[in-house]
Protein backbone atom coordinates (compact mmCIF):
# COMPACT_ATOMS: atom_id res chain seq x y z
CA MET A 1 58.73 41.54 151.26
CA SER A 2 61.43 40.89 148.69
CA LEU A 3 60.91 38.64 145.65
CA ARG A 4 63.38 36.09 147.02
CA THR A 5 61.50 35.91 150.35
CA LEU A 6 58.19 35.45 148.53
CA ILE A 7 59.64 32.65 146.38
CA LEU A 8 61.08 31.01 149.51
CA LYS A 9 57.66 31.08 151.25
CA ILE A 10 55.87 29.60 148.21
CA HIS A 11 58.65 27.00 147.94
CA MET A 12 58.26 25.95 151.58
CA PHE A 13 54.47 26.08 152.00
CA GLY A 14 53.84 24.56 148.59
CA GLY A 15 56.05 21.67 149.67
CA VAL A 16 53.92 21.19 152.79
CA LEU A 17 50.74 21.23 150.65
CA CYS A 18 52.08 18.67 148.16
CA ALA A 19 54.00 16.43 150.59
CA PRO A 20 51.09 13.97 151.14
CA TYR A 21 50.60 13.62 147.39
CA LEU A 22 54.31 13.00 146.78
CA VAL A 23 54.38 10.33 149.53
CA ILE A 24 51.36 8.57 147.96
CA PHE A 25 52.93 8.90 144.50
CA GLY A 26 56.19 7.38 145.75
CA ILE A 27 54.48 4.45 147.51
CA SER A 28 52.23 3.74 144.54
CA SER A 29 55.26 3.85 142.20
CA LEU A 30 56.96 1.17 144.30
CA ASN A 31 53.73 -0.82 144.21
CA TYR A 32 53.55 -0.61 140.40
CA ASN A 33 57.19 -1.59 139.95
CA HIS A 34 57.36 -4.48 142.41
CA LYS A 35 53.82 -5.99 142.35
CA LEU A 36 53.92 -6.95 146.02
CA GLU A 37 51.41 -9.73 146.68
CA PHE A 38 49.97 -8.26 149.88
CA THR A 39 48.91 -5.13 147.97
CA ASN A 40 46.40 -7.07 145.83
CA GLU A 41 43.97 -8.13 148.56
CA TRP A 42 40.21 -7.99 147.94
CA THR A 43 37.26 -8.68 150.23
CA GLU A 44 34.78 -11.48 149.53
CA ALA A 45 32.07 -10.56 147.03
CA ILE A 46 28.68 -9.46 148.35
CA THR A 47 25.75 -9.92 145.97
CA VAL A 48 22.80 -7.55 145.91
CA GLU A 49 19.84 -7.19 143.55
CA GLN A 50 18.51 -3.85 142.41
CA ASN A 51 16.08 -2.56 139.79
CA PHE A 52 17.17 -0.27 136.97
CA THR A 53 15.59 1.56 134.06
CA ALA A 54 17.23 1.09 130.66
CA ALA A 55 16.13 -0.29 127.30
CA ASN A 56 18.18 -3.08 125.72
CA GLY A 57 18.76 -1.59 122.30
CA GLU A 58 21.76 0.68 122.43
CA ASP A 59 25.42 -0.16 121.92
CA ASP A 60 27.10 -1.91 124.85
CA LYS A 61 29.07 1.12 126.02
CA THR A 62 26.07 3.47 126.11
CA LEU A 63 23.88 0.78 127.66
CA ALA A 64 26.40 -0.11 130.40
CA SER A 65 26.76 3.57 131.31
CA ALA A 66 22.97 4.02 131.39
CA VAL A 67 22.50 0.98 133.65
CA ARG A 68 25.36 2.12 135.90
CA ASP A 69 23.79 5.56 136.29
CA SER A 70 20.32 4.09 136.89
CA LEU A 71 21.74 1.88 139.64
CA GLY A 72 23.38 4.90 141.30
CA LEU A 73 26.91 3.51 140.86
CA TRP A 74 29.93 5.56 139.86
CA GLY A 75 33.23 4.65 138.27
CA TRP A 76 34.67 3.50 134.95
CA VAL A 77 33.10 0.86 132.75
CA PRO A 78 36.03 -0.87 130.96
CA TRP A 79 35.02 -1.65 127.36
CA TRP A 80 36.87 -4.98 127.32
CA GLU A 81 34.62 -6.30 130.10
CA TYR A 82 31.29 -6.18 128.18
CA LYS A 83 29.77 -9.63 127.67
CA ARG A 84 26.38 -10.82 126.43
CA ASP A 85 24.69 -14.03 127.60
CA GLU A 86 22.42 -16.35 125.62
CA LYS A 87 19.39 -14.10 126.35
CA ASN A 88 21.31 -11.04 125.11
CA ASN A 89 21.54 -9.60 128.62
CA LEU A 90 24.65 -7.55 129.33
CA ARG A 91 27.30 -8.29 131.93
CA PHE A 92 29.84 -5.54 132.67
CA ILE A 93 32.14 -4.22 135.37
CA VAL A 94 32.16 -0.84 137.10
CA THR A 95 35.45 -0.05 138.80
CA ARG A 96 36.56 2.80 141.05
CA PRO A 97 39.50 3.30 143.42
CA SER A 98 37.95 1.49 146.41
CA LYS A 99 35.49 -1.00 144.85
CA ALA A 100 34.59 -3.03 141.81
CA TYR A 101 31.08 -4.05 140.79
CA THR A 102 30.22 -6.92 138.45
CA VAL A 103 26.76 -6.17 137.06
CA HIS A 104 24.57 -8.92 135.54
CA THR A 105 21.50 -7.40 133.87
CA ASP A 106 18.08 -8.92 133.23
CA PHE A 107 16.31 -6.58 130.82
CA ASP A 108 13.01 -8.47 130.88
CA ARG A 109 12.70 -7.93 134.64
CA GLN A 110 14.67 -4.64 134.65
CA GLU A 111 16.75 -6.08 137.47
CA ALA A 112 20.49 -6.30 138.04
CA LYS A 113 22.45 -8.70 140.17
CA ILE A 114 25.50 -6.81 141.45
CA GLU A 115 28.58 -8.48 142.93
CA VAL A 116 30.40 -5.93 145.08
CA ARG A 117 34.05 -6.41 146.04
CA ALA A 118 36.06 -3.90 148.07
CA LYS A 119 39.73 -3.39 147.31
CA GLY A 120 42.38 -3.36 150.00
CA TYR A 121 44.09 -0.23 151.30
CA TRP A 122 47.19 -0.69 149.10
CA SER A 123 45.09 -1.14 145.96
CA VAL A 124 43.40 2.19 146.65
CA ILE A 125 46.83 3.86 147.04
CA ARG A 126 47.92 2.32 143.72
CA ASP A 127 44.75 3.55 141.98
CA LEU A 128 45.37 7.09 143.20
CA HIS A 129 48.67 7.09 141.26
CA ALA A 130 47.17 8.22 137.96
CA LEU A 131 43.61 9.09 139.00
CA MET A 132 42.12 12.09 137.23
CA ALA A 133 38.38 12.43 136.48
CA THR A 134 36.06 9.70 137.76
CA PRO A 135 32.64 9.31 136.07
CA GLY A 136 29.83 10.18 138.48
CA SER A 137 31.93 11.62 141.33
CA ALA A 138 32.94 15.28 141.38
CA LEU A 139 34.58 14.84 144.80
CA VAL A 140 36.93 12.05 143.69
CA SER A 141 37.62 13.93 140.46
CA ALA A 142 39.02 16.74 142.63
CA TRP A 143 42.04 14.44 143.10
CA GLY A 144 42.90 15.19 139.45
CA ILE A 145 42.98 18.92 140.22
CA TYR A 146 45.24 18.22 143.20
CA THR A 147 47.49 16.10 140.94
CA ASP A 148 47.82 18.94 138.41
CA LEU A 149 48.50 21.44 141.20
CA CYS A 150 51.26 19.25 142.68
CA ALA A 151 52.82 18.59 139.27
CA ALA A 152 52.95 22.35 138.61
CA PHE A 153 54.43 22.93 142.05
CA VAL A 154 57.15 20.29 141.54
CA ILE A 155 58.23 22.12 138.38
CA PHE A 156 58.12 25.44 140.25
CA SER A 157 60.08 23.99 143.19
CA ILE A 158 62.85 22.76 140.88
CA ILE A 159 63.23 26.19 139.28
CA SER A 160 62.85 28.09 142.57
CA GLY A 161 65.21 25.67 144.33
CA VAL A 162 67.95 26.39 141.80
CA TYR A 163 67.21 30.12 142.08
CA LEU A 164 67.40 30.05 145.89
CA TRP A 165 70.51 27.88 145.82
CA THR A 166 72.41 30.46 143.75
CA ALA A 167 72.11 32.96 146.63
CA ARG A 168 74.04 30.72 149.03
CA LYS A 169 77.64 31.06 147.97
CA SER A 170 78.91 28.67 150.63
CA GLU A 171 76.85 25.78 149.20
CA ARG A 172 77.22 26.40 145.49
CA LYS A 173 80.00 23.84 145.02
CA LEU A 174 78.15 21.04 146.83
CA GLY A 175 74.92 21.90 144.99
CA LEU A 176 76.69 21.86 141.64
CA ILE A 177 78.16 18.42 142.41
CA LEU A 178 74.73 17.05 143.41
CA VAL A 179 72.94 18.54 140.38
CA SER A 180 75.63 17.21 138.05
CA ALA A 181 75.57 13.75 139.65
CA GLY A 182 71.76 13.53 139.52
CA SER A 183 71.53 14.83 135.96
CA GLY A 184 74.38 12.64 134.73
CA THR A 185 72.95 9.50 136.33
CA SER A 186 69.50 10.21 134.87
CA LEU A 187 70.94 10.83 131.42
CA LEU A 188 73.03 7.64 131.51
CA LEU A 189 69.98 5.64 132.61
CA MET A 190 67.89 7.06 129.75
CA VAL A 191 70.63 6.28 127.21
CA TYR A 192 70.97 2.75 128.61
CA MET A 193 67.20 2.17 128.44
CA TYR A 194 67.02 3.55 124.91
CA PHE A 195 69.75 1.27 123.50
CA TRP A 196 69.63 -1.80 125.73
CA GLY A 197 66.43 -1.56 127.84
């Protein structure tokens, strides 16, 4: 097998492997840019009570993470969502791609009231846009590995695409026009955004 044939096979099959990711990335980019109302749907909150084991004496970040882990939840605990009530109990949020939990702690009783809200399908797609590691879930964190793999492949496909294109003499002129048009448009847009954006 020649080097060119090997590059062509990697180019094609890598594209098949990364196609679902690129579709999700494109849809989520549109969602970020246009903030379509129907993409922000949530289900009604369901409240459950559950016991936990954690002492109320650590800083809010450490304490929220300890309570989250004791409750068997996984996801991020945004620091700007920590709040204390008049009894010095902690309220915080745990968020992940498909759900968000609002946790109200009672340290005297070692009990938490948890409001669970599920996100809609489009919100999950949007959250996958920049998802890397997720605290408490190795499986969901694998999405970050897939993201890195696809990013590396996109760079490879650009380089290999240009390499493969040079072998087709009949299409060099059209390819040169398209590359020049795309590069020129991108450059003009960047210059415009830098000075007037």
